[in-house]
């Protein structure tokens, strides 16, 4: 195994990377969401100053990029335009599986069908 390509994509730490259909979606400490081509690493779209803290991409469902973080509301973003669609009240500790969000907080488990 060997690294075949490397590029500095963000100014600060990248907290999450998700791959879908030839695209890489990232969230970063520089408060950005970025979309890059997975082959060329060319940045195709950037949303600046939209997330804060240790923000991670929970997953992609249909045309939604789902993001959660410790200082950012649980949110749904248009994966093509990177425009915020809505914030929801849901635990930050969450996973996405087959169109269902599972989350947890101190003593409870949550389930939301998307």
PDB file of N, CA and C in Angstrom:
ATOM      1  N   UNK A   1       0.841  -1.177   0.000  1.00  0.00           N
ATOM      2  CA  UNK A   1       0.000   0.000   0.000  1.00  0.00           C
ATOM      3  C   UNK A   1       0.882   1.235   0.000  1.00  0.00           C
ATOM      4  N   UNK A   2       0.455   2.242  -0.750  1.00  0.00           N
ATOM      5  CA  UNK A   2       1.188   3.494  -0.776  1.00  0.00           C
ATOM      6  C   UNK A   2       0.250   4.645  -1.077  1.00  0.00           C
ATOM      7  N   UNK A   3       0.592   5.810  -0.574  1.00  0.00           N
ATOM      8  CA  UNK A   3      -0.174   7.020  -0.854  1.00  0.00           C
ATOM      9  C   UNK A   3       0.129   7.417  -2.292  1.00  0.00           C
ATOM     10  N   UNK A   4      -0.902   7.602  -3.108  1.00  0.00           N
ATOM     11  CA  UNK A   4      -0.675   7.961  -4.512  1.00  0.00           C
ATOM     12  C   UNK A   4      -0.970   9.432  -4.801  1.00  0.00           C
ATOM     13  N   UNK A   5      -1.622  10.099  -3.875  1.00  0.00           N
ATOM     14  CA  UNK A   5      -1.937  11.510  -4.084  1.00  0.00           C
ATOM     15  C   UNK A   5      -2.200  12.155  -2.743  1.00  0.00           C
ATOM     16  N   UNK A   6      -1.749  13.392  -2.590  1.00  0.00           N
ATOM     17  CA  UNK A   6      -1.987  14.162  -1.371  1.00  0.00           C
ATOM     18  C   UNK A   6      -2.123  15.615  -1.765  1.00  0.00           C
ATOM     19  N   UNK A   7      -3.078  16.296  -1.141  1.00  0.00           N
ATOM     20  CA  UNK A   7      -3.257  17.724  -1.384  1.00  0.00           C
ATOM     21  C   UNK A   7      -3.744  18.375  -0.094  1.00  0.00           C
ATOM     22  N   UNK A   8      -3.315  19.574   0.182  1.00  0.00           N
ATOM     23  CA  UNK A   8      -3.833  20.335   1.321  1.00  0.00           C
ATOM     24  C   UNK A   8      -5.145  20.964   0.890  1.00  0.00           C
ATOM     25  N   UNK A   9      -6.213  20.449   1.436  1.00  0.00           N
ATOM     26  CA  UNK A   9      -7.552  20.863   1.012  1.00  0.00           C
ATOM     27  C   UNK A   9      -8.114  21.978   1.888  1.00  0.00           C
ATOM     28  N   UNK A  10      -7.724  21.984   3.154  1.00  0.00           N
ATOM     29  CA  UNK A  10      -8.271  22.953   4.113  1.00  0.00           C
ATOM     30  C   UNK A  10      -7.146  23.661   4.850  1.00  0.00           C
ATOM     31  N   UNK A  11      -7.479  24.816   5.434  1.00  0.00           N
ATOM     32  CA  UNK A  11      -6.487  25.596   6.175  1.00  0.00           C
ATOM     33  C   UNK A  11      -6.237  25.033   7.574  1.00  0.00           C
ATOM     34  N   UNK A  12      -7.221  24.309   8.117  1.00  0.00           N
ATOM     35  CA  UNK A  12      -7.102  23.721   9.454  1.00  0.00           C
ATOM     36  C   UNK A  12      -7.552  22.265   9.379  1.00  0.00           C
ATOM     37  N   UNK A  13      -7.648  21.619  10.538  1.00  0.00           N
ATOM     38  CA  UNK A  13      -7.967  20.193  10.606  1.00  0.00           C
ATOM     39  C   UNK A  13      -9.244  19.806   9.864  1.00  0.00           C
ATOM     40  N   UNK A  14      -9.166  18.725   9.116  1.00  0.00           N
ATOM     41  CA  UNK A  14     -10.352  18.139   8.488  1.00  0.00           C
ATOM     42  C   UNK A  14     -10.935  17.161   9.501  1.00  0.00           C
ATOM     43  N   UNK A  15     -12.227  17.322   9.828  1.00  0.00           N
ATOM     44  CA  UNK A  15     -12.864  16.464  10.823  1.00  0.00           C
ATOM     45  C   UNK A  15     -13.583  15.269  10.219  1.00  0.00           C
ATOM     46  N   UNK A  16     -14.011  15.368   8.979  1.00  0.00           N
ATOM     47  CA  UNK A  16     -14.667  14.204   8.370  1.00  0.00           C
ATOM     48  C   UNK A  16     -14.574  14.273   6.855  1.00  0.00           C
ATOM     49  N   UNK A  17     -14.574  13.089   6.262  1.00  0.00           N
ATOM     50  CA  UNK A  17     -14.562  12.939   4.809  1.00  0.00           C
ATOM     51  C   UNK A  17     -15.562  11.841   4.469  1.00  0.00           C
ATOM     52  N   UNK A  18     -16.426  12.114   3.508  1.00  0.00           N
ATOM     53  CA  UNK A  18     -17.389  11.125   3.028  1.00  0.00           C
ATOM     54  C   UNK A  18     -17.282  11.076   1.510  1.00  0.00           C
ATOM     55  N   UNK A  19     -17.302   9.866   0.968  1.00  0.00           N
ATOM     56  CA  UNK A  19     -17.223   9.664  -0.479  1.00  0.00           C
ATOM     57  C   UNK A  19     -18.586   9.243  -0.998  1.00  0.00           C
ATOM     58  N   UNK A  20     -19.006   9.845  -2.118  1.00  0.00           N
ATOM     59  CA  UNK A  20     -20.209   9.396  -2.816  1.00  0.00           C
ATOM     60  C   UNK A  20     -20.122   9.807  -4.278  1.00  0.00           C
ATOM     61  N   UNK A  21     -20.329   8.845  -5.152  1.00  0.00           N
ATOM     62  CA  UNK A  21     -20.418   9.091  -6.604  1.00  0.00           C
ATOM     63  C   UNK A  21     -19.273   9.940  -7.152  1.00  0.00           C
ATOM     64  N   UNK A  22     -18.044   9.620  -6.769  1.00  0.00           N
ATOM     65  CA  UNK A  22     -16.882  10.318  -7.309  1.00  0.00           C
ATOM     66  C   UNK A  22     -16.571  11.643  -6.658  1.00  0.00           C
ATOM     67  N   UNK A  23     -17.287  11.967  -5.585  1.00  0.00           N
ATOM     68  CA  UNK A  23     -17.062  13.237  -4.890  1.00  0.00           C
ATOM     69  C   UNK A  23     -16.665  12.986  -3.446  1.00  0.00           C
ATOM     70  N   UNK A  24     -15.817  13.871  -2.916  1.00  0.00           N
ATOM     71  CA  UNK A  24     -15.437  13.851  -1.511  1.00  0.00           C
ATOM     72  C   UNK A  24     -16.070  15.061  -0.838  1.00  0.00           C
ATOM     73  N   UNK A  25     -16.760  14.828   0.254  1.00  0.00           N
ATOM     74  CA  UNK A  25     -17.372  15.888   1.049  1.00  0.00           C
ATOM     75  C   UNK A  25     -16.573  15.984   2.345  1.00  0.00           C
ATOM     76  N   UNK A  26     -16.181  17.198   2.740  1.00  0.00           N
ATOM     77  CA  UNK A  26     -15.400  17.368   3.969  1.00  0.00           C
ATOM     78  C   UNK A  26     -16.004  18.457   4.851  1.00  0.00           C
ATOM     79  N   UNK A  27     -15.751  18.309   6.157  1.00  0.00           N
ATOM     80  CA  UNK A  27     -15.983  19.400   7.101  1.00  0.00           C
ATOM     81  C   UNK A  27     -14.647  19.647   7.780  1.00  0.00           C
ATOM     82  N   UNK A  28     -14.435  20.899   8.168  1.00  0.00           N
ATOM     83  CA  UNK A  28     -13.114  21.268   8.669  1.00  0.00           C
ATOM     84  C   UNK A  28     -13.197  22.293   9.785  1.00  0.00           C
ATOM     85  N   UNK A  29     -12.131  22.357  10.548  1.00  0.00           N
ATOM     86  CA  UNK A  29     -11.995  23.342  11.609  1.00  0.00           C
ATOM     87  C   UNK A  29     -11.959  24.764  11.055  1.00  0.00           C
ATOM     88  N   UNK A  30     -11.698  24.916   9.754  1.00  0.00           N
ATOM     89  CA  UNK A  30     -11.716  26.256   9.158  1.00  0.00           C
ATOM     90  C   UNK A  30     -13.150  26.721   8.850  1.00  0.00           C
ATOM     91  N   UNK A  31     -14.151  26.007   9.412  1.00  0.00           N
ATOM     92  CA  UNK A  31     -15.574  26.355   9.346  1.00  0.00           C
ATOM     93  C   UNK A  31     -16.173  26.170   7.959  1.00  0.00           C
ATOM     94  N   UNK A  32     -15.584  25.271   7.165  1.00  0.00           N
ATOM     95  CA  UNK A  32     -16.080  25.069   5.808  1.00  0.00           C
ATOM     96  C   UNK A  32     -16.655  23.671   5.601  1.00  0.00           C
ATOM     97  N   UNK A  33     -17.522  23.604   4.614  1.00  0.00           N
ATOM     98  CA  UNK A  33     -17.927  22.337   4.004  1.00  0.00           C
ATOM     99  C   UNK A  33     -17.397  22.435   2.581  1.00  0.00           C
ATOM    100  N   UNK A  34     -16.712  21.396   2.132  1.00  0.00           N
ATOM    101  CA  UNK A  34     -16.151  21.419   0.781  1.00  0.00           C
ATOM    102  C   UNK A  34     -16.549  20.164   0.034  1.00  0.00           C
ATOM    103  N   UNK A  35     -16.649  20.321  -1.287  1.00  0.00           N
ATOM    104  CA  UNK A  35     -16.867  19.189  -2.187  1.00  0.00           C
ATOM    105  C   UNK A  35     -15.698  19.190  -3.162  1.00  0.00           C
ATOM    106  N   UNK A  36     -15.045  18.027  -3.290  1.00  0.00           N
ATOM    107  CA  UNK A  36     -13.902  17.913  -4.196  1.00  0.00           C
ATOM    108  C   UNK A  36     -14.063  16.673  -5.069  1.00  0.00           C
ATOM    109  N   UNK A  37     -13.515  16.748  -6.268  1.00  0.00           N
ATOM    110  CA  UNK A  37     -13.468  15.598  -7.153  1.00  0.00           C
ATOM    111  C   UNK A  37     -12.531  14.560  -6.549  1.00  0.00           C
ATOM    112  N   UNK A  38     -12.968  13.313  -6.455  1.00  0.00           N
ATOM    113  CA  UNK A  38     -12.180  12.273  -5.797  1.00  0.00           C
ATOM    114  C   UNK A  38     -10.951  11.850  -6.598  1.00  0.00           C
ATOM    115  N   UNK A  39     -10.916  12.128  -7.880  1.00  0.00           N
ATOM    116  CA  UNK A  39      -9.760  11.755  -8.702  1.00  0.00           C
ATOM    117  C   UNK A  39      -8.746  12.895  -8.770  1.00  0.00           C
ATOM    118  N   UNK A  40      -9.207  14.083  -9.103  1.00  0.00           N
ATOM    119  CA  UNK A  40      -8.299  15.218  -9.287  1.00  0.00           C
ATOM    120  C   UNK A  40      -8.064  16.021  -8.013  1.00  0.00           C
ATOM    121  N   UNK A  41      -8.933  15.868  -7.020  1.00  0.00           N
ATOM    122  CA  UNK A  41      -8.950  16.641  -5.778  1.00  0.00           C
ATOM    123  C   UNK A  41      -9.288  18.112  -6.022  1.00  0.00           C
ATOM    124  N   UNK A  42      -9.768  18.446  -7.196  1.00  0.00           N
ATOM    125  CA  UNK A  42     -10.190  19.813  -7.492  1.00  0.00           C
ATOM    126  C   UNK A  42     -11.400  20.154  -6.633  1.00  0.00           C
ATOM    127  N   UNK A  43     -11.354  21.316  -5.984  1.00  0.00           N
ATOM    128  CA  UNK A  43     -12.473  21.762  -5.167  1.00  0.00           C
ATOM    129  C   UNK A  43     -13.579  22.262  -6.085  1.00  0.00           C
ATOM    130  N   UNK A  44     -14.762  21.666  -5.956  1.00  0.00           N
ATOM    131  CA  UNK A  44     -15.888  21.995  -6.822  1.00  0.00           C
ATOM    132  C   UNK A  44     -16.862  22.969  -6.179  1.00  0.00           C
ATOM    133  N   UNK A  45     -16.941  22.946  -4.843  1.00  0.00           N
ATOM    134  CA  UNK A  45     -17.870  23.829  -4.151  1.00  0.00           C
ATOM    135  C   UNK A  45     -17.393  24.021  -2.716  1.00  0.00           C
ATOM    136  N   UNK A  46     -17.637  25.206  -2.170  1.00  0.00           N
ATOM    137  CA  UNK A  46     -17.243  25.528  -0.795  1.00  0.00           C
ATOM    138  C   UNK A  46     -18.352  26.342  -0.147  1.00  0.00           C
ATOM    139  N   UNK A  47     -18.696  25.980   1.072  1.00  0.00           N
ATOM    140  CA  UNK A  47     -19.559  26.811   1.914  1.00  0.00           C
ATOM    141  C   UNK A  47     -18.675  27.288   3.062  1.00  0.00           C
ATOM    142  N   UNK A  48     -18.485  28.610   3.171  1.00  0.00           N
ATOM    143  CA  UNK A  48     -17.572  29.173   4.168  1.00  0.00           C
ATOM    144  C   UNK A  48     -18.320  29.672   5.394  1.00  0.00           C
ATOM    145  N   UNK A  49     -17.647  29.580   6.547  1.00  0.00           N
ATOM    146  CA  UNK A  49     -18.186  30.072   7.817  1.00  0.00           C
ATOM    147  C   UNK A  49     -19.570  29.515   8.126  1.00  0.00           C
ATOM    148  N   UNK A  50     -19.748  28.212   7.920  1.00  0.00           N
ATOM    149  CA  UNK A  50     -21.073  27.622   8.123  1.00  0.00           C
ATOM    150  C   UNK A  50     -21.126  26.594   9.250  1.00  0.00           C
ATOM    151  N   UNK A  51     -19.988  26.071   9.667  1.00  0.00           N
ATOM    152  CA  UNK A  51     -19.956  25.098  10.757  1.00  0.00           C
ATOM    153  C   UNK A  51     -18.874  25.512  11.751  1.00  0.00           C
ATOM    154  N   UNK A  52     -19.034  25.094  13.008  1.00  0.00           N
ATOM    155  CA  UNK A  52     -18.049  25.466  14.021  1.00  0.00           C
ATOM    156  C   UNK A  52     -17.806  24.291  14.959  1.00  0.00           C
ATOM    157  N   UNK A  53     -16.613  24.211  15.477  1.00  0.00           N
ATOM    158  CA  UNK A  53     -16.262  23.140  16.389  1.00  0.00           C
ATOM    159  C   UNK A  53     -15.951  21.856  15.644  1.00  0.00           C
ATOM    160  N   UNK A  54     -15.921  20.767  16.384  1.00  0.00           N
ATOM    161  CA  UNK A  54     -15.608  19.464  15.794  1.00  0.00           C
ATOM    162  C   UNK A  54     -16.860  18.913  15.116  1.00  0.00           C
ATOM    163  N   UNK A  55     -17.024  19.230  13.846  1.00  0.00           N
ATOM    164  CA  UNK A  55     -18.218  18.904  13.084  1.00  0.00           C
ATOM    165  C   UNK A  55     -17.941  17.716  12.176  1.00  0.00           C
ATOM    166  N   UNK A  56     -18.859  16.767  12.177  1.00  0.00           N
ATOM    167  CA  UNK A  56     -18.687  15.592  11.336  1.00  0.00           C
ATOM    168  C   UNK A  56     -19.880  15.361  10.436  1.00  0.00           C
ATOM    169  N   UNK A  57     -19.607  14.737   9.309  1.00  0.00           N
ATOM    170  CA  UNK A  57     -20.670  14.353   8.394  1.00  0.00           C
ATOM    171  C   UNK A  57     -21.199  13.004   8.851  1.00  0.00           C
ATOM    172  N   UNK A  58     -22.463  12.959   9.205  1.00  0.00           N
ATOM    173  CA  UNK A  58     -23.099  11.720   9.637  1.00  0.00           C
ATOM    174  C   UNK A  58     -23.324  10.815   8.438  1.00  0.00           C
ATOM    175  N   UNK A  59     -23.688  11.402   7.303  1.00  0.00           N
ATOM    176  CA  UNK A  59     -23.905  10.627   6.091  1.00  0.00           C
ATOM    177  C   UNK A  59     -24.621  11.437   5.039  1.00  0.00           C
ATOM    178  N   UNK A  60     -24.970  10.758   3.960  1.00  0.00           N
ATOM    179  CA  UNK A  60     -25.699  11.371   2.861  1.00  0.00           C
ATOM    180  C   UNK A  60     -26.973  10.569   2.662  1.00  0.00           C
ATOM    181  N   UNK A  61     -28.089  11.273   2.602  1.00  0.00           N
ATOM    182  CA  UNK A  61     -29.376  10.637   2.340  1.00  0.00           C
ATOM    183  C   UNK A  61     -30.073  11.426   1.248  1.00  0.00           C
ATOM    184  N   UNK A  62     -30.341  10.730   0.135  1.00  0.00           N
ATOM    185  CA  UNK A  62     -30.922  11.367  -1.049  1.00  0.00           C
ATOM    186  C   UNK A  62     -30.056  12.566  -1.426  1.00  0.00           C
ATOM    187  N   UNK A  63     -30.580  13.781  -1.431  1.00  0.00           N
ATOM    188  CA  UNK A  63     -29.786  14.959  -1.792  1.00  0.00           C
ATOM    189  C   UNK A  63     -29.323  15.752  -0.582  1.00  0.00           C
ATOM    190  N   UNK A  64     -29.343  15.119   0.580  1.00  0.00           N
ATOM    191  CA  UNK A  64     -28.983  15.799   1.819  1.00  0.00           C
ATOM    192  C   UNK A  64     -27.646  15.324   2.366  1.00  0.00           C
ATOM    193  N   UNK A  65     -26.825  16.275   2.713  1.00  0.00           N
ATOM    194  CA  UNK A  65     -25.603  16.024   3.458  1.00  0.00           C
ATOM    195  C   UNK A  65     -25.980  16.294   4.919  1.00  0.00           C
ATOM    196  N   UNK A  66     -25.822  15.279   5.777  1.00  0.00           N
ATOM    197  CA  UNK A  66     -26.270  15.394   7.159  1.00  0.00           C
ATOM    198  C   UNK A  66     -25.051  15.604   8.049  1.00  0.00           C
ATOM    199  N   UNK A  67     -25.092  16.687   8.830  1.00  0.00           N
ATOM    200  CA  UNK A  67     -23.928  17.122   9.608  1.00  0.00           C
ATOM    201  C   UNK A  67     -24.316  17.326  11.070  1.00  0.00           C
ATOM    202  N   UNK A  68     -23.415  16.920  11.964  1.00  0.00           N
ATOM    203  CA  UNK A  68     -23.625  17.128  13.406  1.00  0.00           C
ATOM    204  C   UNK A  68     -22.311  17.528  14.047  1.00  0.00           C
ATOM    205  N   UNK A  69     -22.404  18.313  15.099  1.00  0.00           N
ATOM    206  CA  UNK A  69     -21.196  18.725  15.803  1.00  0.00           C
ATOM    207  C   UNK A  69     -21.499  19.235  17.186  1.00  0.00           C
ATOM    208  N   UNK A  70     -20.455  19.481  17.952  1.00  0.00           N
ATOM    209  CA  UNK A  70     -20.654  19.899  19.335  1.00  0.00           C
ATOM    210  C   UNK A  70     -21.114  21.356  19.467  1.00  0.00           C
ATOM    211  N   UNK A  71     -20.814  22.208  18.498  1.00  0.00           N
ATOM    212  CA  UNK A  71     -21.255  23.610  18.557  1.00  0.00           C
ATOM    213  C   UNK A  71     -22.100  23.993  17.355  1.00  0.00           C
ATOM    214  N   UNK A  72     -22.497  23.015  16.577  1.00  0.00           N
ATOM    215  CA  UNK A  72     -23.294  23.251  15.378  1.00  0.00           C
ATOM    216  C   UNK A  72     -24.575  22.440  15.482  1.00  0.00           C
ATOM    217  N   UNK A  73     -25.732  23.017  15.170  1.00  0.00           N
ATOM    218  CA  UNK A  73     -26.967  22.227  15.217  1.00  0.00           C
ATOM    219  C   UNK A  73     -26.900  21.030  14.260  1.00  0.00           C
ATOM    220  N   UNK A  74     -27.649  19.985  14.583  1.00  0.00           N
ATOM    221  CA  UNK A  74     -27.788  18.853  13.672  1.00  0.00           C
ATOM    222  C   UNK A  74     -28.475  19.417  12.442  1.00  0.00           C
ATOM    223  N   UNK A  75     -27.864  19.258  11.277  1.00  0.00           N
ATOM    224  CA  UNK A  75     -28.370  19.992  10.120  1.00  0.00           C
ATOM    225  C   UNK A  75     -28.349  19.178   8.834  1.00  0.00           C
ATOM    226  N   UNK A  76     -29.217  19.593   7.925  1.00  0.00           N
ATOM    227  CA  UNK A  76     -29.326  19.000   6.598  1.00  0.00           C
ATOM    228  C   UNK A  76     -28.944  20.067   5.575  1.00  0.00           C
ATOM    229  N   UNK A  77     -28.037  19.700   4.671  1.00  0.00           N
ATOM    230  CA  UNK A  77     -27.520  20.616   3.653  1.00  0.00           C
ATOM    231  C   UNK A  77     -27.766  20.027   2.279  1.00  0.00           C
ATOM    232  N   UNK A  78     -28.090  20.869   1.313  1.00  0.00           N
ATOM    233  CA  UNK A  78     -28.203  20.423  -0.069  1.00  0.00           C
ATOM    234  C   UNK A  78     -26.814  20.005  -0.529  1.00  0.00           C
ATOM    235  N   UNK A  79     -26.640  18.761  -0.930  1.00  0.00           N
ATOM    236  CA  UNK A  79     -25.292  18.268  -1.254  1.00  0.00           C
ATOM    237  C   UNK A  79     -24.741  18.868  -2.546  1.00  0.00           C
ATOM    238  N   UNK A  80     -25.585  19.445  -3.383  1.00  0.00           N
ATOM    239  CA  UNK A  80     -25.106  20.067  -4.626  1.00  0.00           C
ATOM    240  C   UNK A  80     -24.755  21.535  -4.431  1.00  0.00           C
ATOM    241  N   UNK A  81     -25.603  22.269  -3.719  1.00  0.00           N
ATOM    242  CA  UNK A  81     -25.394  23.712  -3.556  1.00  0.00           C
ATOM    243  C   UNK A  81     -24.715  24.074  -2.239  1.00  0.00           C
ATOM    244  N   UNK A  82     -24.696  23.138  -1.276  1.00  0.00           N
ATOM    245  CA  UNK A  82     -24.193  23.360   0.077  1.00  0.00           C
ATOM    246  C   UNK A  82     -24.967  24.455   0.799  1.00  0.00           C
ATOM    247  N   UNK A  83     -26.242  24.593   0.473  1.00  0.00           N
ATOM    248  CA  UNK A  83     -27.123  25.522   1.173  1.00  0.00           C
ATOM    249  C   UNK A  83     -27.813  24.774   2.311  1.00  0.00           C
ATOM    250  N   UNK A  84     -27.926  25.432   3.450  1.00  0.00           N
ATOM    251  CA  UNK A  84     -28.606  24.848   4.591  1.00  0.00           C
ATOM    252  C   UNK A  84     -30.082  24.667   4.275  1.00  0.00           C
ATOM    253  N   UNK A  85     -30.572  23.451   4.484  1.00  0.00           N
ATOM    254  CA  UNK A  85     -32.003  23.184   4.278  1.00  0.00           C
ATOM    255  C   UNK A  85     -32.768  23.328   5.582  1.00  0.00           C
ATOM    256  N   UNK A  86     -32.247  22.685   6.656  1.00  0.00           N
ATOM    257  CA  UNK A  86     -32.915  22.829   7.949  1.00  0.00           C
ATOM    258  C   UNK A  86     -32.034  22.287   9.066  1.00  0.00           C
ATOM    259  N   UNK A  87     -32.303  22.796  10.260  1.00  0.00           N
ATOM    260  CA  UNK A  87     -31.714  22.279  11.489  1.00  0.00           C
ATOM    261  C   UNK A  87     -32.791  21.475  12.194  1.00  0.00           C
ATOM    262  N   UNK A  88     -32.388  20.421  12.893  1.00  0.00           N
ATOM    263  CA  UNK A  88     -33.346  19.636  13.658  1.00  0.00           C
ATOM    264  C   UNK A  88     -32.803  19.397  15.058  1.00  0.00           C
ATOM    265  N   UNK A  89     -33.702  19.118  15.971  1.00  0.00           N
ATOM    266  CA  UNK A  89     -33.325  18.762  17.328  1.00  0.00           C
ATOM    267  C   UNK A  89     -33.109  17.256  17.362  1.00  0.00           C
ATOM    268  N   UNK A  90     -31.846  16.846  17.419  1.00  0.00           N
ATOM    269  CA  UNK A  90     -31.496  15.425  17.425  1.00  0.00           C
ATOM    270  C   UNK A  90     -30.132  15.306  18.092  1.00  0.00           C
ATOM    271  N   UNK A  91     -29.890  14.214  18.810  1.00  0.00           N
ATOM    272  CA  UNK A  91     -28.590  14.067  19.477  1.00  0.00           C
ATOM    273  C   UNK A  91     -27.425  14.144  18.491  1.00  0.00           C
ATOM    274  N   UNK A  92     -26.340  14.761  18.921  1.00  0.00           N
ATOM    275  CA  UNK A  92     -25.165  14.917  18.056  1.00  0.00           C
ATOM    276  C   UNK A  92     -24.459  13.592  17.797  1.00  0.00           C
ATOM    277  N   UNK A  93     -24.588  12.666  18.724  1.00  0.00           N
ATOM    278  CA  UNK A  93     -23.987  11.348  18.543  1.00  0.00           C
ATOM    279  C   UNK A  93     -24.963  10.499  17.740  1.00  0.00           C
ATOM    280  N   UNK A  94     -24.713  10.358  16.436  1.00  0.00           N
ATOM    281  CA  UNK A  94     -25.695   9.713  15.567  1.00  0.00           C
ATOM    282  C   UNK A  94     -25.028   8.947  14.438  1.00  0.00           C
ATOM    283  N   UNK A  95     -25.773   7.972  13.916  1.00  0.00           N
ATOM    284  CA  UNK A  95     -25.366   7.246  12.716  1.00  0.00           C
ATOM    285  C   UNK A  95     -26.551   7.194  11.763  1.00  0.00           C
ATOM    286  N   UNK A  96     -26.252   7.046  10.490  1.00  0.00           N
ATOM    287  CA  UNK A  96     -27.273   6.928   9.456  1.00  0.00           C
ATOM    288  C   UNK A  96     -27.165   5.540   8.852  1.00  0.00           C
ATOM    289  N   UNK A  97     -28.306   4.833   8.780  1.00  0.00           N
ATOM    290  CA  UNK A  97     -28.316   3.499   8.182  1.00  0.00           C
ATOM    291  C   UNK A  97     -29.613   3.311   7.407  1.00  0.00           C
ATOM    292  N   UNK A  98     -29.497   3.117   6.094  1.00  0.00           N
ATOM    293  CA  UNK A  98     -30.659   2.850   5.231  1.00  0.00           C
ATOM    294  C   UNK A  98     -31.807   3.838   5.430  1.00  0.00           C
ATOM    295  N   UNK A  99     -31.487   5.117   5.474  1.00  0.00           N
ATOM    296  CA  UNK A  99     -32.514   6.140   5.596  1.00  0.00           C
ATOM    297  C   UNK A  99     -33.072   6.322   6.993  1.00  0.00           C
ATOM    298  N   UNK A 100     -32.425   5.740   7.985  1.00  0.00           N
ATOM    299  CA  UNK A 100     -32.852   5.881   9.374  1.00  0.00           C
ATOM    300  C   UNK A 100     -31.700   6.464  10.187  1.00  0.00           C
ATOM    301  N   UNK A 101     -31.996   7.520  10.954  1.00  0.00           N
ATOM    302  CA  UNK A 101     -31.016   8.100  11.872  1.00  0.00           C
ATOM    303  C   UNK A 101     -31.208   7.476  13.246  1.00  0.00           C
ATOM    304  N   UNK A 102     -30.119   7.031  13.827  1.00  0.00           N
ATOM    305  CA  UNK A 102     -30.117   6.553  15.201  1.00  0.00           C
ATOM    306  C   UNK A 102     -29.208   7.481  15.986  1.00  0.00           C
ATOM    307  N   UNK A 103     -29.669   7.924  17.133  1.00  0.00           N
ATOM    308  CA  UNK A 103     -28.867   8.812  17.950  1.00  0.00           C
ATOM    309  C   UNK A 103     -28.947   8.438  19.408  1.00  0.00           C
ATOM    310  N   UNK A 104     -28.034   8.996  20.190  1.00  0.00           N
ATOM    311  CA  UNK A 104     -28.060   8.737  21.626  1.00  0.00           C
ATOM    312  C   UNK A 104     -27.592   9.963  22.386  1.00  0.00           C
ATOM    313  N   UNK A 105     -28.135  10.097  23.586  1.00  0.00           N
ATOM    314  CA  UNK A 105     -27.623  11.085  24.525  1.00  0.00           C
ATOM    315  C   UNK A 105     -27.367  10.352  25.835  1.00  0.00           C
ATOM    316  N   UNK A 106     -27.472  10.997  26.936  1.00  0.00           N
ATOM    317  CA  UNK A 106     -27.057  10.425  28.216  1.00  0.00           C
ATOM    318  C   UNK A 106     -27.651   9.044  28.506  1.00  0.00           C
ATOM    319  N   UNK A 107     -28.969   8.922  28.506  1.00  0.00           N
ATOM    320  CA  UNK A 107     -29.587   7.633  28.814  1.00  0.00           C
ATOM    321  C   UNK A 107     -30.577   7.164  27.759  1.00  0.00           C
ATOM    322  N   UNK A 108     -30.693   7.855  26.663  1.00  0.00           N
ATOM    323  CA  UNK A 108     -31.750   7.550  25.692  1.00  0.00           C
ATOM    324  C   UNK A 108     -31.194   7.237  24.309  1.00  0.00           C
ATOM    325  N   UNK A 109     -31.952   6.446  23.576  1.00  0.00           N
ATOM    326  CA  UNK A 109     -31.686   6.151  22.168  1.00  0.00           C
ATOM    327  C   UNK A 109     -32.829   6.756  21.359  1.00  0.00           C
ATOM    328  N   UNK A 110     -32.503   7.327  20.227  1.00  0.00           N
ATOM    329  CA  UNK A 110     -33.495   7.980  19.368  1.00  0.00           C
ATOM    330  C   UNK A 110     -33.468   7.338  17.981  1.00  0.00           C
ATOM    331  N   UNK A 111     -34.610   7.385  17.300  1.00  0.00           N
ATOM    332  CA  UNK A 111     -34.697   6.857  15.934  1.00  0.00           C
ATOM    333  C   UNK A 111     -35.571   7.821  15.129  1.00  0.00           C
ATOM    334  N   UNK A 112     -35.080   8.180  13.940  1.00  0.00           N
ATOM    335  CA  UNK A 112     -35.835   9.059  13.044  1.00  0.00           C
ATOM    336  C   UNK A 112     -35.764   8.474  11.638  1.00  0.00           C
ATOM    337  N   UNK A 113     -36.918   8.244  11.052  1.00  0.00           N
ATOM    338  CA  UNK A 113     -36.968   7.766   9.669  1.00  0.00           C
ATOM    339  C   UNK A 113     -36.983   8.977   8.765  1.00  0.00           C
ATOM    340  N   UNK A 114     -36.043   9.021   7.838  1.00  0.00           N
ATOM    341  CA  UNK A 114     -35.929  10.191   6.945  1.00  0.00           C
ATOM    342  C   UNK A 114     -36.825  10.046   5.741  1.00  0.00           C
TER     343      UNK A 114
END
